[in-house]
N, C-alpha and C. Protein backbone atom coordinates (compact mmCIF):
# COMPACT_ATOMS: atom_id res chain seq x y z
N UNK A 1 19.15 -0.74 -8.00
CA UNK A 1 19.45 0.00 -8.17
C UNK A 1 18.59 0.56 -6.62
N UNK A 2 19.24 1.15 -5.55
CA UNK A 2 18.98 1.61 -4.56
C UNK A 2 17.93 2.82 -4.54
N UNK A 3 16.71 3.00 -3.15
CA UNK A 3 16.07 3.84 -3.58
C UNK A 3 15.86 4.66 -1.91
N UNK A 4 14.91 5.69 -1.76
CA UNK A 4 14.88 6.33 -0.32
C UNK A 4 13.48 6.96 -0.73
N UNK A 5 12.94 6.22 0.77
CA UNK A 5 11.56 6.80 1.09
C UNK A 5 11.14 7.58 1.49
N UNK A 6 10.51 8.32 0.78
CA UNK A 6 10.53 9.90 1.78
C UNK A 6 9.08 9.94 1.60
N UNK A 7 8.86 10.50 2.88
CA UNK A 7 6.81 11.45 3.10
C UNK A 7 6.75 12.18 2.21
N UNK A 8 5.28 12.08 1.37
CA UNK A 8 5.25 13.10 0.48
C UNK A 8 5.18 14.38 1.38
N UNK A 9 6.03 15.66 0.65
CA UNK A 9 5.31 17.20 0.80
C UNK A 9 5.93 17.76 -0.43
N UNK A 10 4.95 18.96 0.15
CA UNK A 10 4.48 20.22 -0.57
C UNK A 10 5.86 20.09 -1.77
N UNK A 11 7.29 19.71 -1.58
CA UNK A 11 8.22 20.29 -2.58
C UNK A 11 8.19 18.94 -3.54
N UNK A 12 7.85 18.05 -3.30
CA UNK A 12 8.06 16.85 -4.24
C UNK A 12 7.27 17.72 -5.28
N UNK A 13 8.35 17.22 -6.64
CA UNK A 13 7.44 17.39 -7.81
C UNK A 13 6.92 16.42 -8.34
N UNK A 14 5.38 16.10 -8.17
CA UNK A 14 4.28 14.63 -8.59
C UNK A 14 3.91 14.88 -9.91
N UNK A 15 3.84 16.05 -10.64
CA UNK A 15 3.03 16.25 -11.56
C UNK A 15 3.73 15.41 -12.84
N UNK A 16 5.00 15.01 -12.85
CA UNK A 16 5.09 14.15 -14.21
C UNK A 16 5.13 12.86 -13.84
N UNK A 17 4.67 12.53 -12.59
CA UNK A 17 4.27 11.11 -12.30
C UNK A 17 3.70 10.19 -12.81
N UNK A 18 3.76 9.29 -13.80
CA UNK A 18 2.47 8.45 -14.70
C UNK A 18 2.79 7.10 -14.79
N UNK A 19 1.72 6.10 -14.28
CA UNK A 19 1.68 5.03 -14.55
C UNK A 19 1.82 4.30 -15.82
N UNK A 20 1.64 5.24 -16.88
CA UNK A 20 1.19 4.70 -17.67
C UNK A 20 -0.34 4.97 -18.38
N UNK A 21 -0.52 3.56 -19.48
CA UNK A 21 -1.75 3.24 -20.33
C UNK A 21 -2.65 2.49 -19.65
N UNK A 22 -1.71 1.77 -18.64
CA UNK A 22 -2.78 0.48 -18.20
C UNK A 22 -3.97 0.78 -17.50
N UNK A 23 -4.98 -0.17 -17.10
CA UNK A 23 -5.70 -0.06 -16.71
C UNK A 23 -6.16 0.26 -15.36
N UNK A 24 -6.77 1.15 -15.21
CA UNK A 24 -6.60 1.98 -13.54
C UNK A 24 -5.57 2.92 -13.54
N UNK A 25 -4.49 3.16 -14.22
CA UNK A 25 -3.48 3.96 -14.23
C UNK A 25 -3.27 5.42 -14.29
N UNK A 26 -4.09 5.95 -14.64
CA UNK A 26 -5.14 6.80 -14.89
C UNK A 26 -6.16 7.82 -12.99
N UNK A 27 -6.31 6.53 -12.50
CA UNK A 27 -6.75 6.47 -11.05
C UNK A 27 -5.64 6.75 -9.95
N UNK A 28 -4.43 5.83 -10.51
CA UNK A 28 -3.35 6.37 -9.74
C UNK A 28 -2.53 7.12 -10.22
N UNK A 29 -2.41 7.83 -11.21
CA UNK A 29 -1.71 9.31 -11.39
C UNK A 29 -2.28 10.28 -10.61
N UNK A 30 -3.58 10.39 -10.76
CA UNK A 30 -4.61 11.48 -10.57
C UNK A 30 -4.87 11.45 -9.00
N UNK A 31 -4.58 10.22 -8.24
CA UNK A 31 -4.37 10.71 -6.79
C UNK A 31 -3.45 11.51 -6.48
N UNK A 32 -2.15 10.78 -6.90
CA UNK A 32 -1.00 11.19 -6.27
C UNK A 32 -1.13 12.78 -6.97
N UNK A 33 -1.38 13.30 -7.95
CA UNK A 33 -1.54 14.39 -8.78
C UNK A 33 -2.35 15.64 -7.77
N UNK A 34 -3.55 14.92 -7.27
CA UNK A 34 -4.47 15.79 -7.28
C UNK A 34 -4.79 15.83 -5.72
N UNK A 35 -4.84 14.74 -4.79
CA UNK A 35 -5.58 13.98 -3.82
C UNK A 35 -4.45 14.21 -2.65
N UNK A 36 -3.49 13.00 -3.04
CA UNK A 36 -2.30 12.52 -1.64
C UNK A 36 -1.90 13.30 -0.82
N UNK A 37 -1.30 14.74 -1.01
CA UNK A 37 -1.54 15.70 -0.49
C UNK A 37 -2.05 16.46 0.79
N UNK A 38 -3.65 16.51 -0.12
CA UNK A 38 -4.74 16.97 0.65
C UNK A 38 -4.84 16.06 2.33
N UNK A 39 -5.09 14.91 1.29
CA UNK A 39 -5.46 13.43 2.42
C UNK A 39 -4.53 13.35 3.12
N UNK A 40 -3.77 13.31 2.98
CA UNK A 40 -2.41 13.33 4.11
C UNK A 40 -2.88 14.33 4.93
N UNK A 41 -2.81 15.88 4.57
CA UNK A 41 -2.85 16.80 5.36
C UNK A 41 -3.95 16.85 6.49
N UNK A 42 -4.81 16.40 5.94
CA UNK A 42 -6.33 15.96 6.40
C UNK A 42 -6.31 14.69 7.59
N UNK A 43 -5.20 14.16 7.57
CA UNK A 43 -4.91 12.55 8.60
C UNK A 43 -5.02 11.31 8.13
N UNK A 44 -5.83 11.43 6.59
CA UNK A 44 -6.94 9.93 5.79
C UNK A 44 -5.54 9.16 5.52
N UNK A 45 -4.49 9.89 5.54
CA UNK A 45 -3.45 8.75 4.77
C UNK A 45 -2.57 9.15 4.80
N UNK A 46 -1.09 8.34 4.67
CA UNK A 46 -0.02 8.70 4.65
C UNK A 46 0.67 8.17 3.69
N UNK A 47 1.29 9.37 2.98
CA UNK A 47 1.44 8.58 1.39
C UNK A 47 3.54 9.13 0.92
N UNK A 48 3.77 8.10 0.91
CA UNK A 48 5.41 7.87 0.39
C UNK A 48 5.87 7.06 -0.49
N UNK A 49 6.87 7.80 -0.82
CA UNK A 49 7.40 8.06 -2.01
C UNK A 49 8.88 7.07 -2.50
N UNK A 50 8.97 6.52 -3.03
CA UNK A 50 10.10 5.89 -3.97
C UNK A 50 10.80 6.50 -4.42
N UNK A 51 11.80 7.11 -4.51
CA UNK A 51 12.70 8.05 -4.95
C UNK A 51 14.20 7.40 -5.36
N UNK A 52 14.63 7.59 -6.79
CA UNK A 52 15.67 7.46 -6.95
C UNK A 52 16.68 8.62 -7.42
N UNK A 53 17.60 8.37 -6.33
CA UNK A 53 18.58 9.69 -6.10
C UNK A 53 19.58 9.80 -6.99
N UNK A 54 19.86 8.49 -7.76
CA UNK A 54 21.48 8.66 -8.74
C UNK A 54 20.61 9.07 -9.77
N UNK A 55 19.18 9.51 -10.27
CA UNK A 55 19.37 10.63 -11.64
C UNK A 55 20.29 11.74 -11.23
N UNK A 56 20.69 11.96 -12.25
CA UNK A 56 21.17 13.50 -12.07
C UNK A 56 20.59 14.72 -12.11
N UNK A 57 19.69 14.73 -12.08
CA UNK A 57 18.36 16.10 -12.08
C UNK A 57 17.62 15.68 -10.15
N UNK A 58 16.77 16.42 -10.45
CA UNK A 58 16.12 16.01 -9.36
C UNK A 58 15.68 14.49 -9.06
N UNK A 59 15.75 14.07 -7.26
CA UNK A 59 14.94 12.31 -7.17
C UNK A 59 13.96 12.56 -8.20
N UNK A 60 14.09 11.25 -9.05
CA UNK A 60 13.06 11.10 -9.52
C UNK A 60 12.18 9.65 -8.99
N UNK A 61 10.65 9.98 -9.33
CA UNK A 61 9.44 9.15 -8.23
C UNK A 61 9.88 7.63 -9.17
N UNK A 62 10.40 6.85 -8.26
CA UNK A 62 10.30 5.17 -8.78
C UNK A 62 8.54 4.70 -8.66
N UNK A 63 7.77 5.12 -8.04
CA UNK A 63 6.77 4.88 -7.30
C UNK A 63 6.33 5.37 -6.02
N UNK A 64 5.21 5.14 -5.52
CA UNK A 64 4.55 5.31 -4.32
C UNK A 64 3.43 4.40 -4.08
N UNK A 65 3.14 4.57 -2.63
CA UNK A 65 2.39 3.92 -1.70
C UNK A 65 1.58 4.64 -0.34
N UNK A 66 0.46 4.87 -0.89
CA UNK A 66 -0.71 5.24 0.41
C UNK A 66 -0.67 4.12 1.25
N UNK A 67 -0.99 4.61 3.06
CA UNK A 67 -1.00 3.78 4.05
C UNK A 67 -2.37 4.98 4.49
N UNK A 68 -3.23 4.12 4.97
CA UNK A 68 -4.26 4.48 6.20
C UNK A 68 -5.12 3.47 6.86
N UNK A 69 -4.88 4.33 8.53
CA UNK A 69 -5.64 3.16 9.72
C UNK A 69 -6.95 3.00 8.82
N UNK A 70 -7.19 1.75 9.32
CA UNK A 70 -8.70 0.96 8.43
C UNK A 70 -8.95 -0.03 9.82
N UNK A 71 -9.99 -0.33 10.03
CA UNK A 71 -10.34 -1.55 10.90
C UNK A 71 -11.26 -2.77 10.00
N UNK A 72 -11.54 -3.90 10.43
CA UNK A 72 -11.80 -4.86 9.87
C UNK A 72 -12.89 -5.86 10.80
N UNK A 73 -14.41 -6.73 10.43
CA UNK A 73 -14.89 -6.81 10.81
C UNK A 73 -13.68 -8.74 10.86
N UNK A 74 -14.29 -8.96 13.01
CA UNK A 74 -13.06 -9.96 13.09
C UNK A 74 -13.97 -11.06 12.51
N UNK A 75 -13.16 -11.92 11.33
CA UNK A 75 -13.88 -13.14 10.53
C UNK A 75 -12.94 -14.30 11.31
N UNK A 76 -13.69 -15.45 11.01
CA UNK A 76 -12.39 -16.95 11.97
C UNK A 76 -11.23 -16.51 11.16
N UNK A 77 -11.10 -16.25 9.76
CA UNK A 77 -10.18 -16.09 9.17
C UNK A 77 -8.87 -15.23 9.91
N UNK A 78 -9.34 -14.02 10.22
CA UNK A 78 -8.80 -12.73 10.63
C UNK A 78 -8.44 -13.27 11.90
N UNK A 79 -9.48 -14.21 12.86
CA UNK A 79 -8.44 -14.60 14.27
C UNK A 79 -7.77 -15.23 14.15
N UNK A 80 -7.56 -16.27 13.20
CA UNK A 80 -7.00 -17.12 12.96
C UNK A 80 -5.35 -16.65 13.03
N UNK A 81 -5.64 -15.28 12.58
CA UNK A 81 -3.99 -14.22 12.60
C UNK A 81 -3.34 -13.61 13.67
N UNK A 82 -4.34 -13.71 14.53
CA UNK A 82 -4.27 -13.19 15.46
C UNK A 82 -3.88 -13.96 16.92
N UNK A 83 -2.60 -13.54 18.02
CA UNK A 83 -1.88 -14.52 18.36
C UNK A 83 -2.84 -15.03 19.66
N UNK A 84 -3.88 -14.40 19.90
CA UNK A 84 -4.65 -14.36 20.82
C UNK A 84 -6.16 -14.50 20.92
N UNK A 85 -6.58 -14.70 21.22
CA UNK A 85 -8.72 -14.70 21.20
C UNK A 85 -9.16 -13.32 21.76
N UNK A 86 -9.86 -12.58 20.99
CA UNK A 86 -10.19 -11.56 21.39
C UNK A 86 -12.13 -11.30 20.89
N UNK A 87 -13.13 -10.62 21.42
CA UNK A 87 -14.03 -10.50 21.39
C UNK A 87 -14.42 -9.13 20.87
N UNK A 88 -13.63 -8.38 20.13
CA UNK A 88 -13.91 -7.60 19.70
C UNK A 88 -14.75 -7.82 18.11
N UNK A 89 -15.50 -6.59 17.70
CA UNK A 89 -16.79 -7.02 16.62
C UNK A 89 -15.30 -6.27 15.01
N UNK A 90 -14.02 -6.08 15.72
CA UNK A 90 -13.71 -5.06 14.82
C UNK A 90 -12.15 -4.96 15.55
N UNK A 91 -11.23 -5.35 14.41
CA UNK A 91 -10.02 -5.14 15.04
C UNK A 91 -9.39 -4.30 13.94
N UNK A 92 -8.25 -2.84 14.18
CA UNK A 92 -7.72 -2.32 13.73
C UNK A 92 -6.63 -2.66 12.83
N UNK A 93 -6.01 -1.96 11.59
CA UNK A 93 -4.95 -2.28 10.99
C UNK A 93 -4.64 -1.06 10.13
N UNK A 94 -3.62 -1.25 8.94
CA UNK A 94 -3.61 -0.27 8.25
C UNK A 94 -4.29 -0.99 6.58
N UNK A 95 -4.67 -0.05 5.84
CA UNK A 95 -4.79 -0.37 4.56
C UNK A 95 -3.72 -0.21 3.62
N UNK A 96 -3.40 -0.22 2.21
CA UNK A 96 -2.61 -0.06 1.35
C UNK A 96 -3.03 0.52 0.32
N UNK A 97 -4.15 1.59 0.76
CA UNK A 97 -4.98 1.59 -0.54
C UNK A 97 -4.38 2.48 -1.90
N UNK A 98 -3.45 2.85 -2.10
CA UNK A 98 -2.69 3.01 -3.44
C UNK A 98 -1.23 2.73 -3.49
N UNK A 99 -1.37 2.32 -4.70
CA UNK A 99 0.15 1.74 -5.39
C UNK A 99 0.94 2.08 -6.78
N UNK A 100 1.73 3.21 -6.83
CA UNK A 100 1.67 2.78 -8.46
C UNK A 100 3.43 3.52 -8.54
N UNK A 101 3.70 2.20 -9.73
CA UNK A 101 4.88 2.46 -10.25
C UNK A 101 5.23 3.36 -11.57
N UNK A 102 5.75 4.00 -11.71
CA UNK A 102 6.26 4.96 -12.69
C UNK A 102 6.18 3.92 -13.80
N UNK A 103 5.49 4.55 -15.18
CA UNK A 103 6.01 3.78 -16.41
C UNK A 103 7.53 3.34 -17.17
N UNK A 104 8.25 4.39 -16.24
CA UNK A 104 9.85 4.47 -16.46
C UNK A 104 10.15 3.46 -15.61
N UNK A 105 9.55 2.64 -14.66
CA UNK A 105 10.77 1.82 -14.02
C UNK A 105 9.76 0.61 -13.94
N UNK A 106 8.65 0.55 -14.76
CA UNK A 106 7.87 -0.76 -14.57
C UNK A 106 8.38 -2.10 -15.28
N UNK A 107 8.27 -2.94 -14.90
CA UNK A 107 8.26 -4.44 -15.15
C UNK A 107 10.38 -4.91 -14.79
N UNK A 108 10.08 -4.06 -13.81
CA UNK A 108 11.58 -4.63 -12.43
C UNK A 108 11.28 -4.52 -11.04
N UNK A 109 9.97 -5.21 -11.01
CA UNK A 109 10.03 -5.98 -9.82
C UNK A 109 9.25 -4.37 -8.72
N UNK A 110 9.76 -3.60 -9.47
CA UNK A 110 9.37 -2.49 -8.26
C UNK A 110 7.86 -2.59 -7.56
N UNK A 111 7.17 -3.13 -7.81
CA UNK A 111 5.57 -3.13 -7.23
C UNK A 111 6.03 -3.92 -5.95
N UNK A 112 6.27 -5.31 -6.11
CA UNK A 112 6.76 -6.35 -5.26
C UNK A 112 7.72 -5.11 -4.38
N UNK A 113 8.55 -4.59 -4.42
CA UNK A 113 9.37 -3.62 -3.53
C UNK A 113 8.61 -2.63 -2.97
N UNK A 114 7.79 -2.07 -3.60
CA UNK A 114 7.09 -0.92 -3.15
C UNK A 114 5.58 -1.55 -1.94
N UNK A 115 5.72 -3.03 -2.44
CA UNK A 115 4.58 -3.71 -1.27
C UNK A 115 5.18 -4.37 0.24
N UNK A 116 6.81 -4.63 -0.16
CA UNK A 116 7.62 -5.01 0.67
C UNK A 116 7.80 -3.71 1.73
N UNK A 117 8.16 -2.29 1.02
CA UNK A 117 8.27 -1.40 2.05
C UNK A 117 6.80 -0.85 2.68
N UNK A 118 5.77 -0.92 1.91
CA UNK A 118 4.58 -0.45 2.43
C UNK A 118 4.40 -1.50 4.04
N UNK A 119 5.16 -3.14 3.72
CA UNK A 119 4.67 -3.75 5.17
C UNK A 119 5.80 -3.29 5.88
N UNK A 120 7.26 -2.58 5.92
CA UNK A 120 7.86 -2.17 7.04
C UNK A 120 7.07 -0.77 7.71
N UNK A 121 7.11 0.44 7.24
CA UNK A 121 6.39 1.08 7.20
C UNK A 121 4.51 0.51 8.10
N UNK A 122 3.79 0.05 7.64
CA UNK A 122 3.15 -0.51 8.52
C UNK A 122 3.34 -0.79 10.28
N UNK A 123 4.57 -1.90 10.18
CA UNK A 123 5.02 -2.22 11.02
C UNK A 123 6.04 -1.43 12.02
N UNK A 124 6.45 -0.29 11.38
CA UNK A 124 7.10 0.91 12.01
C UNK A 124 5.57 1.09 12.61
N UNK A 125 4.96 1.75 12.20
CA UNK A 125 3.57 2.10 13.18
C UNK A 125 2.77 1.64 13.79
N UNK A 126 2.73 0.50 13.64
CA UNK A 126 2.46 -0.68 14.50
C UNK A 126 2.89 -0.53 15.91
N UNK A 127 4.40 -0.17 16.27
CA UNK A 127 5.26 -0.37 17.82
C UNK A 127 4.49 1.11 18.11
N UNK A 128 4.27 2.06 17.21
CA UNK A 128 3.81 3.72 17.77
C UNK A 128 2.19 3.62 18.21
N UNK A 129 1.59 2.72 17.63
CA UNK A 129 -0.05 2.98 17.57
C UNK A 129 -0.96 1.79 17.17
N UNK A 130 -0.22 0.46 17.67
CA UNK A 130 -0.64 -0.63 17.78
C UNK A 130 -0.98 -0.84 15.96
N UNK A 131 -1.82 -2.19 15.60
CA UNK A 131 -2.89 -2.42 14.37
C UNK A 131 -2.22 -4.04 13.96
N UNK A 132 -3.37 -4.08 13.96
CA UNK A 132 -2.80 -6.30 14.13
C UNK A 132 -2.36 -6.50 12.24
N UNK A 133 -2.80 -5.94 11.44
CA UNK A 133 -2.55 -6.03 10.16
C UNK A 133 -2.36 -5.27 9.24
N UNK A 134 -2.29 -5.71 7.89
CA UNK A 134 -2.00 -4.67 6.69
C UNK A 134 -3.39 -5.30 5.74
N UNK A 135 -3.76 -4.66 5.53
CA UNK A 135 -4.90 -4.97 4.08
C UNK A 135 -4.85 -4.36 2.56
N UNK A 136 -5.30 -5.52 2.13
CA UNK A 136 -5.28 -4.61 0.51
C UNK A 136 -6.31 -4.84 0.08
N UNK A 137 -7.36 -3.87 -0.69
CA UNK A 137 -8.59 -3.90 -1.36
C UNK A 137 -8.34 -4.29 -2.94
N UNK A 138 -7.75 -4.93 -3.70
CA UNK A 138 -7.07 -5.66 -5.03
C UNK A 138 -8.69 -5.04 -5.83
N UNK A 139 -7.99 -4.06 -6.96
CA UNK A 139 -9.61 -3.71 -7.81
C UNK A 139 -9.79 -4.80 -9.17
N UNK A 140 -9.48 -5.77 -8.94
CA UNK A 140 -9.53 -6.74 -9.67
C UNK A 140 -9.14 -8.14 -9.57
N UNK A 141 -9.95 -9.17 -10.13
CA UNK A 141 -9.03 -10.43 -9.97
C UNK A 141 -7.53 -10.87 -10.20
N UNK A 142 -7.20 -9.75 -11.55
CA UNK A 142 -5.58 -10.29 -11.98
C UNK A 142 -4.71 -9.30 -10.65
N UNK A 143 -4.74 -8.31 -10.11
CA UNK A 143 -4.38 -7.95 -8.99
C UNK A 143 -4.08 -8.30 -8.12
N UNK A 144 -5.78 -9.55 -7.49
CA UNK A 144 -5.62 -10.32 -6.15
C UNK A 144 -4.95 -11.05 -6.83
N UNK A 145 -4.80 -11.84 -7.65
CA UNK A 145 -3.87 -12.79 -8.19
C UNK A 145 -2.21 -12.57 -7.67
N UNK A 146 -2.19 -11.41 -8.23
CA UNK A 146 -0.71 -11.02 -8.47
C UNK A 146 -0.47 -10.76 -6.30
N UNK A 147 -1.25 -10.00 -5.99
CA UNK A 147 -0.82 -10.03 -4.04
C UNK A 147 -0.66 -11.29 -3.45
N UNK A 148 -1.51 -12.31 -4.37
CA UNK A 148 -1.35 -14.13 -3.97
C UNK A 148 0.26 -14.62 -4.24
N UNK A 149 0.55 -14.12 -5.51
CA UNK A 149 2.20 -14.83 -5.88
C UNK A 149 3.22 -14.41 -4.89
N UNK A 150 2.98 -12.92 -4.51
CA UNK A 150 3.51 -12.02 -4.08
C UNK A 150 4.71 -13.02 -3.04
N UNK A 151 3.94 -13.85 -2.49
CA UNK A 151 4.58 -14.62 -1.02
C UNK A 151 4.96 -13.69 0.30
N UNK A 152 4.75 -12.73 0.40
CA UNK A 152 4.28 -12.29 1.59
C UNK A 152 3.09 -12.79 2.76
N UNK A 153 2.19 -13.60 2.26
CA UNK A 153 1.50 -14.10 3.55
C UNK A 153 0.24 -13.68 3.26
N UNK A 154 -0.39 -12.39 2.23
CA UNK A 154 -1.48 -12.39 2.20
C UNK A 154 -2.72 -13.20 2.22
N UNK A 155 -3.17 -13.29 2.77
CA UNK A 155 -4.84 -14.02 3.35
C UNK A 155 -5.98 -13.66 2.60
N UNK A 156 -6.57 -14.14 1.74
CA UNK A 156 -8.36 -13.88 1.51
C UNK A 156 -8.74 -13.68 2.98
N UNK A 157 -9.66 -12.77 3.02
CA UNK A 157 -10.62 -13.36 4.19
C UNK A 157 -11.90 -13.83 3.83
N UNK A 158 -12.45 -13.76 2.50
CA UNK A 158 -13.67 -14.23 2.33
C UNK A 158 -13.24 -15.70 0.70
N UNK A 159 -13.52 -16.29 1.65
CA UNK A 159 -13.65 -18.02 1.08
C UNK A 159 -13.91 -18.07 0.10
N UNK A 160 -14.86 -17.55 -0.47
CA UNK A 160 -16.90 -17.39 -1.93
C UNK A 160 -16.22 -17.15 -2.77
N UNK A 161 -15.06 -16.14 -2.60
CA UNK A 161 -14.18 -14.85 -2.90
C UNK A 161 -15.33 -13.63 -3.56
N UNK A 162 -16.11 -13.73 -2.49
CA UNK A 162 -17.02 -12.65 -3.27
C UNK A 162 -16.46 -10.84 -2.91
N UNK A 163 -15.56 -11.09 -2.31
CA UNK A 163 -14.72 -9.83 -1.89
C UNK A 163 -12.66 -10.41 -1.83
N UNK A 164 -12.73 -9.43 -2.15
CA UNK A 164 -10.94 -10.35 -2.90
C UNK A 164 -9.85 -8.74 -1.69
N UNK A 165 -10.50 -8.54 -0.67
CA UNK A 165 -9.97 -7.48 0.69
C UNK A 165 -8.81 -9.23 0.35
N UNK A 166 -7.87 -8.73 0.74
CA UNK A 166 -6.34 -9.71 1.76
C UNK A 166 -5.65 -9.18 2.61
N UNK A 167 -5.01 -9.82 3.69
CA UNK A 167 -4.89 -9.35 4.99
C UNK A 167 -3.59 -9.81 4.67
N UNK A 168 -2.92 -9.05 6.14
CA UNK A 168 -0.87 -9.80 6.10
C UNK A 168 -0.87 -9.37 7.81
N UNK A 169 -0.82 -11.04 8.98
CA UNK A 169 -0.28 -10.61 9.89
C UNK A 169 0.75 -9.75 9.88
N UNK A 170 0.77 -7.78 10.81
CA UNK A 170 1.91 -7.50 11.19
C UNK A 170 2.72 -8.36 12.19
N UNK A 171 3.33 -7.23 12.72
CA UNK A 171 4.27 -8.00 13.62
C UNK A 171 5.51 -9.30 13.77
């Protein structure tokens, strides 16, 4: 199935979207239902919906992700990702803050597809306004391992494992 990627707007009916009963799903659903459009309007995030337009009714939300500008303290691991040496204390990029797949589409690799779409969107944003990396902050060790297994090249910033933050060089 192909999907279209659209920026969230008021006309999208997000009320029926649900990730199911998994751990953390309620927070993912609640963000889209209550906070996404408000945060986007405030300039805090850009929320993107993957829509299945093959539905005979209104387009169905397959999943979504949110991107926000962020900065990360320059560490040796992050410096190694950059093509030149910089003397900044922090480096700008984007945070993949929320990502959810509808329970109807789970089990079909849509999570990986949405991460790939988020990487592509962050690269587009980079062209217009800079940003050296895409960061993710997995909520638990299972999700951190999932990002590591995706083969996109996410790198753990903290070799001690105290922080789960992962970064991916853009460009």
